[in-house]
N, C-alpha and C. Protein backbone atom coordinates (compact mmCIF):
# COMPACT_ATOMS: atom_id res chain seq x y z
N UNK A 1 7.38 14.14 -10.96
CA UNK A 1 6.22 13.95 -11.80
C UNK A 1 5.45 12.74 -11.29
N UNK A 2 4.14 12.88 -11.10
CA UNK A 2 3.37 11.78 -10.54
C UNK A 2 2.91 10.81 -11.62
N UNK A 3 2.67 9.56 -11.21
CA UNK A 3 2.19 8.54 -12.13
C UNK A 3 0.73 8.80 -12.44
N UNK A 4 0.27 8.45 -13.66
CA UNK A 4 -1.15 8.60 -13.95
C UNK A 4 -1.96 7.63 -13.10
N UNK A 5 -3.14 8.06 -12.66
CA UNK A 5 -3.99 7.19 -11.87
C UNK A 5 -4.52 6.06 -12.73
N UNK A 6 -4.62 4.87 -12.13
CA UNK A 6 -5.19 3.74 -12.85
C UNK A 6 -6.69 3.94 -12.97
N UNK A 7 -7.19 3.76 -14.17
CA UNK A 7 -8.63 3.78 -14.39
C UNK A 7 -9.00 2.51 -15.12
N UNK A 8 -10.26 2.13 -15.05
CA UNK A 8 -10.68 0.91 -15.73
C UNK A 8 -10.42 1.00 -17.22
N UNK A 9 -10.38 2.22 -17.76
CA UNK A 9 -10.15 2.41 -19.19
C UNK A 9 -8.73 2.01 -19.60
N UNK A 10 -7.73 2.21 -18.72
CA UNK A 10 -6.36 1.90 -19.13
C UNK A 10 -5.82 0.62 -18.51
N UNK A 11 -6.67 -0.19 -17.90
CA UNK A 11 -6.25 -1.49 -17.38
C UNK A 11 -6.47 -2.52 -18.47
N UNK A 12 -5.44 -3.29 -18.77
CA UNK A 12 -5.53 -4.29 -19.82
C UNK A 12 -5.82 -5.65 -19.20
N UNK A 13 -7.12 -5.96 -19.05
CA UNK A 13 -7.52 -7.25 -18.52
C UNK A 13 -7.30 -8.30 -19.61
N UNK A 14 -6.99 -9.51 -19.20
CA UNK A 14 -6.81 -10.57 -20.18
C UNK A 14 -5.83 -11.61 -19.68
N UNK A 15 -5.18 -12.25 -20.62
CA UNK A 15 -4.27 -13.34 -20.30
C UNK A 15 -3.14 -12.86 -19.40
N UNK A 16 -2.83 -13.68 -18.42
CA UNK A 16 -1.75 -13.41 -17.47
C UNK A 16 -0.82 -14.61 -17.51
N UNK A 17 0.48 -14.34 -17.65
CA UNK A 17 1.42 -15.45 -17.79
C UNK A 17 2.48 -15.51 -16.70
N UNK A 18 2.37 -14.64 -15.70
CA UNK A 18 3.33 -14.69 -14.61
C UNK A 18 2.70 -14.11 -13.35
N UNK A 19 3.29 -14.45 -12.22
CA UNK A 19 2.83 -13.91 -10.94
C UNK A 19 2.97 -12.40 -10.94
N UNK A 20 4.03 -11.90 -11.56
CA UNK A 20 4.26 -10.46 -11.62
C UNK A 20 3.16 -9.75 -12.42
N UNK A 21 2.79 -10.32 -13.56
CA UNK A 21 1.71 -9.74 -14.38
C UNK A 21 0.39 -9.74 -13.61
N UNK A 22 0.10 -10.85 -12.93
CA UNK A 22 -1.14 -10.94 -12.16
C UNK A 22 -1.15 -9.89 -11.06
N UNK A 23 -0.06 -9.76 -10.35
CA UNK A 23 0.03 -8.78 -9.28
C UNK A 23 -0.16 -7.36 -9.77
N UNK A 24 0.48 -7.03 -10.90
CA UNK A 24 0.33 -5.69 -11.48
C UNK A 24 -1.12 -5.41 -11.86
N UNK A 25 -1.78 -6.39 -12.45
CA UNK A 25 -3.17 -6.24 -12.85
C UNK A 25 -4.08 -6.07 -11.64
N UNK A 26 -3.86 -6.88 -10.61
CA UNK A 26 -4.66 -6.78 -9.39
C UNK A 26 -4.46 -5.42 -8.73
N UNK A 27 -3.22 -4.96 -8.64
CA UNK A 27 -2.95 -3.65 -8.04
C UNK A 27 -3.64 -2.53 -8.83
N UNK A 28 -3.54 -2.57 -10.15
CA UNK A 28 -4.18 -1.54 -10.97
C UNK A 28 -5.69 -1.55 -10.78
N UNK A 29 -6.27 -2.74 -10.71
CA UNK A 29 -7.72 -2.86 -10.50
C UNK A 29 -8.11 -2.29 -9.14
N UNK A 30 -7.36 -2.67 -8.11
CA UNK A 30 -7.66 -2.18 -6.75
C UNK A 30 -7.59 -0.65 -6.71
N UNK A 31 -6.54 -0.10 -7.29
CA UNK A 31 -6.37 1.35 -7.27
C UNK A 31 -7.45 2.05 -8.09
N UNK A 32 -7.89 1.42 -9.19
CA UNK A 32 -8.94 2.04 -10.01
C UNK A 32 -10.25 2.12 -9.24
N UNK A 33 -10.42 1.23 -8.26
CA UNK A 33 -11.61 1.26 -7.41
C UNK A 33 -11.38 2.09 -6.15
N UNK A 34 -10.22 2.74 -6.09
CA UNK A 34 -9.84 3.60 -4.98
C UNK A 34 -9.90 2.87 -3.63
N UNK A 35 -9.38 1.64 -3.64
CA UNK A 35 -9.33 0.83 -2.42
C UNK A 35 -7.89 0.74 -1.94
N UNK A 36 -7.69 0.87 -0.64
CA UNK A 36 -6.36 0.70 -0.06
C UNK A 36 -6.14 -0.77 0.27
N UNK A 37 -4.89 -1.12 0.51
CA UNK A 37 -4.59 -2.49 0.95
C UNK A 37 -5.33 -2.79 2.24
N UNK A 38 -5.42 -1.82 3.13
CA UNK A 38 -6.08 -2.03 4.42
C UNK A 38 -7.57 -2.31 4.25
N UNK A 39 -8.22 -1.61 3.32
CA UNK A 39 -9.65 -1.85 3.08
C UNK A 39 -9.86 -3.25 2.53
N UNK A 40 -9.10 -3.63 1.52
CA UNK A 40 -9.23 -4.96 0.93
C UNK A 40 -8.89 -6.03 1.96
N UNK A 41 -7.89 -5.76 2.77
CA UNK A 41 -7.51 -6.68 3.83
C UNK A 41 -8.70 -6.97 4.75
N UNK A 42 -9.38 -5.91 5.17
CA UNK A 42 -10.53 -6.08 6.06
C UNK A 42 -11.69 -6.78 5.38
N UNK A 43 -11.95 -6.44 4.12
CA UNK A 43 -13.07 -7.05 3.40
C UNK A 43 -12.84 -8.53 3.14
N UNK A 44 -11.59 -8.90 2.86
CA UNK A 44 -11.29 -10.28 2.51
C UNK A 44 -10.68 -11.10 3.62
N UNK A 45 -10.53 -10.49 4.80
CA UNK A 45 -9.89 -11.18 5.92
C UNK A 45 -8.51 -11.72 5.51
N UNK A 46 -7.75 -10.85 4.85
CA UNK A 46 -6.39 -11.16 4.41
C UNK A 46 -5.45 -10.11 4.98
N UNK A 47 -4.21 -10.47 5.24
CA UNK A 47 -3.29 -9.49 5.81
C UNK A 47 -2.82 -8.50 4.74
N UNK A 48 -2.61 -7.25 5.13
CA UNK A 48 -2.06 -6.27 4.17
C UNK A 48 -0.71 -6.74 3.61
N UNK A 49 0.07 -7.42 4.44
CA UNK A 49 1.37 -7.92 3.98
C UNK A 49 1.19 -8.92 2.84
N UNK A 50 0.26 -9.88 3.01
CA UNK A 50 0.01 -10.85 1.94
C UNK A 50 -0.41 -10.13 0.66
N UNK A 51 -1.36 -9.21 0.79
CA UNK A 51 -1.85 -8.49 -0.39
C UNK A 51 -0.73 -7.73 -1.09
N UNK A 52 0.12 -7.09 -0.31
CA UNK A 52 1.24 -6.34 -0.88
C UNK A 52 2.19 -7.28 -1.62
N UNK A 53 2.52 -8.41 -1.02
CA UNK A 53 3.42 -9.37 -1.66
C UNK A 53 2.78 -9.96 -2.92
N UNK A 54 1.49 -10.25 -2.85
CA UNK A 54 0.75 -10.78 -4.00
C UNK A 54 0.79 -9.77 -5.16
N UNK A 55 0.55 -8.51 -4.85
CA UNK A 55 0.56 -7.47 -5.88
C UNK A 55 1.96 -7.23 -6.44
N UNK A 56 2.98 -7.56 -5.68
CA UNK A 56 4.36 -7.42 -6.17
C UNK A 56 4.82 -8.66 -6.94
N UNK A 57 3.94 -9.65 -7.07
CA UNK A 57 4.25 -10.82 -7.88
C UNK A 57 4.99 -11.92 -7.17
N UNK A 58 4.82 -12.02 -5.85
CA UNK A 58 5.51 -13.08 -5.10
C UNK A 58 5.11 -14.44 -5.66
N UNK A 59 6.10 -15.19 -6.10
CA UNK A 59 5.88 -16.48 -6.75
C UNK A 59 5.24 -17.52 -5.83
N UNK A 60 5.48 -17.40 -4.53
CA UNK A 60 5.00 -18.43 -3.61
C UNK A 60 3.71 -18.03 -2.89
N UNK A 61 2.98 -17.05 -3.42
CA UNK A 61 1.71 -16.66 -2.79
C UNK A 61 0.77 -17.86 -2.77
N UNK A 62 0.09 -18.06 -1.65
CA UNK A 62 -0.84 -19.18 -1.51
C UNK A 62 -2.01 -19.01 -2.47
N UNK A 63 -2.29 -20.05 -3.25
CA UNK A 63 -3.34 -19.96 -4.26
C UNK A 63 -4.71 -19.68 -3.65
N UNK A 64 -5.02 -20.28 -2.51
CA UNK A 64 -6.31 -20.04 -1.87
C UNK A 64 -6.48 -18.59 -1.47
N UNK A 65 -5.44 -18.02 -0.90
CA UNK A 65 -5.49 -16.60 -0.51
C UNK A 65 -5.55 -15.70 -1.74
N UNK A 66 -4.81 -16.07 -2.78
CA UNK A 66 -4.82 -15.27 -4.01
C UNK A 66 -6.22 -15.27 -4.62
N UNK A 67 -6.87 -16.43 -4.65
CA UNK A 67 -8.23 -16.50 -5.18
C UNK A 67 -9.20 -15.70 -4.32
N UNK A 68 -9.00 -15.72 -3.02
CA UNK A 68 -9.85 -14.94 -2.12
C UNK A 68 -9.66 -13.45 -2.38
N UNK A 69 -8.43 -13.02 -2.60
CA UNK A 69 -8.16 -11.62 -2.91
C UNK A 69 -8.85 -11.22 -4.22
N UNK A 70 -8.75 -12.07 -5.23
CA UNK A 70 -9.40 -11.78 -6.51
C UNK A 70 -10.91 -11.66 -6.34
N UNK A 71 -11.49 -12.60 -5.59
CA UNK A 71 -12.93 -12.58 -5.36
C UNK A 71 -13.33 -11.30 -4.61
N UNK A 72 -12.57 -10.93 -3.61
CA UNK A 72 -12.86 -9.72 -2.84
C UNK A 72 -12.88 -8.49 -3.73
N UNK A 73 -12.02 -8.48 -4.74
CA UNK A 73 -11.93 -7.34 -5.65
C UNK A 73 -12.89 -7.44 -6.84
N UNK A 74 -13.70 -8.51 -6.87
CA UNK A 74 -14.65 -8.66 -7.96
C UNK A 74 -14.03 -9.19 -9.24
N UNK A 75 -12.92 -9.91 -9.11
CA UNK A 75 -12.24 -10.49 -10.26
C UNK A 75 -12.42 -12.00 -10.23
N UNK A 76 -12.20 -12.66 -11.37
CA UNK A 76 -12.32 -14.11 -11.42
C UNK A 76 -11.22 -14.69 -12.31
N UNK A 77 -10.98 -15.97 -12.14
CA UNK A 77 -10.01 -16.68 -12.96
C UNK A 77 -10.79 -17.55 -13.94
N UNK A 78 -10.45 -17.46 -15.21
CA UNK A 78 -11.06 -18.29 -16.24
C UNK A 78 -9.94 -19.08 -16.89
N UNK A 79 -10.07 -20.39 -16.90
CA UNK A 79 -9.04 -21.25 -17.49
C UNK A 79 -9.53 -21.70 -18.86
N UNK A 80 -8.70 -21.50 -19.87
CA UNK A 80 -9.04 -21.94 -21.22
C UNK A 80 -7.75 -22.21 -21.97
N UNK A 81 -7.82 -22.99 -23.05
CA UNK A 81 -6.62 -23.23 -23.83
C UNK A 81 -6.06 -21.92 -24.38
N UNK A 82 -4.77 -21.83 -24.52
CA UNK A 82 -4.15 -20.62 -25.08
C UNK A 82 -4.76 -20.33 -26.44
N UNK A 83 -4.98 -19.06 -26.66
CA UNK A 83 -5.54 -18.64 -27.94
C UNK A 83 -7.03 -18.89 -28.06
N UNK A 84 -7.63 -19.49 -27.01
CA UNK A 84 -9.06 -19.77 -27.03
C UNK A 84 -9.86 -18.50 -26.86
N UNK A 85 -11.09 -18.56 -27.28
CA UNK A 85 -11.97 -17.42 -27.07
C UNK A 85 -13.26 -17.91 -26.45
N UNK A 86 -13.94 -17.02 -25.77
CA UNK A 86 -15.18 -17.39 -25.13
C UNK A 86 -14.92 -18.11 -23.83
N UNK A 87 -15.99 -18.54 -23.21
CA UNK A 87 -15.89 -19.20 -21.92
C UNK A 87 -16.21 -20.68 -22.06
N UNK A 88 -15.54 -21.47 -21.28
CA UNK A 88 -15.82 -22.90 -21.23
C UNK A 88 -17.05 -23.13 -20.38
N UNK A 89 -17.60 -24.36 -20.39
CA UNK A 89 -18.78 -24.63 -19.56
C UNK A 89 -18.51 -24.33 -18.09
N UNK A 90 -19.56 -23.96 -17.40
CA UNK A 90 -19.46 -23.72 -15.96
C UNK A 90 -19.02 -24.99 -15.26
N UNK A 91 -18.32 -24.88 -14.12
CA UNK A 91 -17.82 -26.07 -13.42
C UNK A 91 -18.90 -27.11 -13.15
N UNK A 92 -20.12 -26.70 -12.88
CA UNK A 92 -21.17 -27.67 -12.56
C UNK A 92 -21.56 -28.50 -13.78
N UNK A 93 -21.23 -28.05 -15.00
CA UNK A 93 -21.57 -28.81 -16.19
C UNK A 93 -20.35 -29.45 -16.84
N UNK A 94 -19.17 -29.25 -16.23
CA UNK A 94 -17.94 -29.81 -16.77
C UNK A 94 -17.93 -31.31 -16.56
N UNK A 95 -17.57 -32.05 -17.60
CA UNK A 95 -17.47 -33.51 -17.51
C UNK A 95 -16.00 -33.90 -17.58
N UNK A 96 -15.61 -34.83 -16.71
CA UNK A 96 -14.24 -35.31 -16.78
C UNK A 96 -14.15 -36.38 -17.87
N UNK A 97 -13.00 -37.04 -17.98
CA UNK A 97 -12.79 -38.04 -19.04
C UNK A 97 -13.78 -39.19 -18.97
N UNK A 98 -14.28 -39.50 -17.78
CA UNK A 98 -15.24 -40.58 -17.62
C UNK A 98 -16.68 -40.10 -17.85
N UNK A 99 -16.86 -38.81 -18.11
CA UNK A 99 -18.18 -38.27 -18.36
C UNK A 99 -18.96 -37.93 -17.10
N UNK A 100 -18.27 -37.88 -15.95
CA UNK A 100 -18.97 -37.53 -14.71
C UNK A 100 -18.64 -36.10 -14.34
N UNK A 101 -19.52 -35.49 -13.57
CA UNK A 101 -19.27 -34.12 -13.12
C UNK A 101 -18.14 -34.10 -12.13
N UNK A 102 -17.30 -33.11 -12.23
CA UNK A 102 -16.20 -32.91 -11.28
C UNK A 102 -16.70 -32.10 -10.13
């Protein structure tokens, strides 16, 4: 019996609390766009091996490469306090403790 195809309708975007959850979400998103590891690899200048390990939840995946993979797939990371809603100010308007832009 084959697995149901991932579609944007059945992908649960939202809070991610582990490398494994992030990888599963990224894989489902990639498959919903009908992209192979090889296509994403070429678009993002990332190795298929890295992408495969990232999607399997490898704990030691390089953050820079992971962010590049997300960007290549049209995904973004939003940091907010747990239970928060909405988006925080854009990085260009974020003030640190001294009130200066980061």
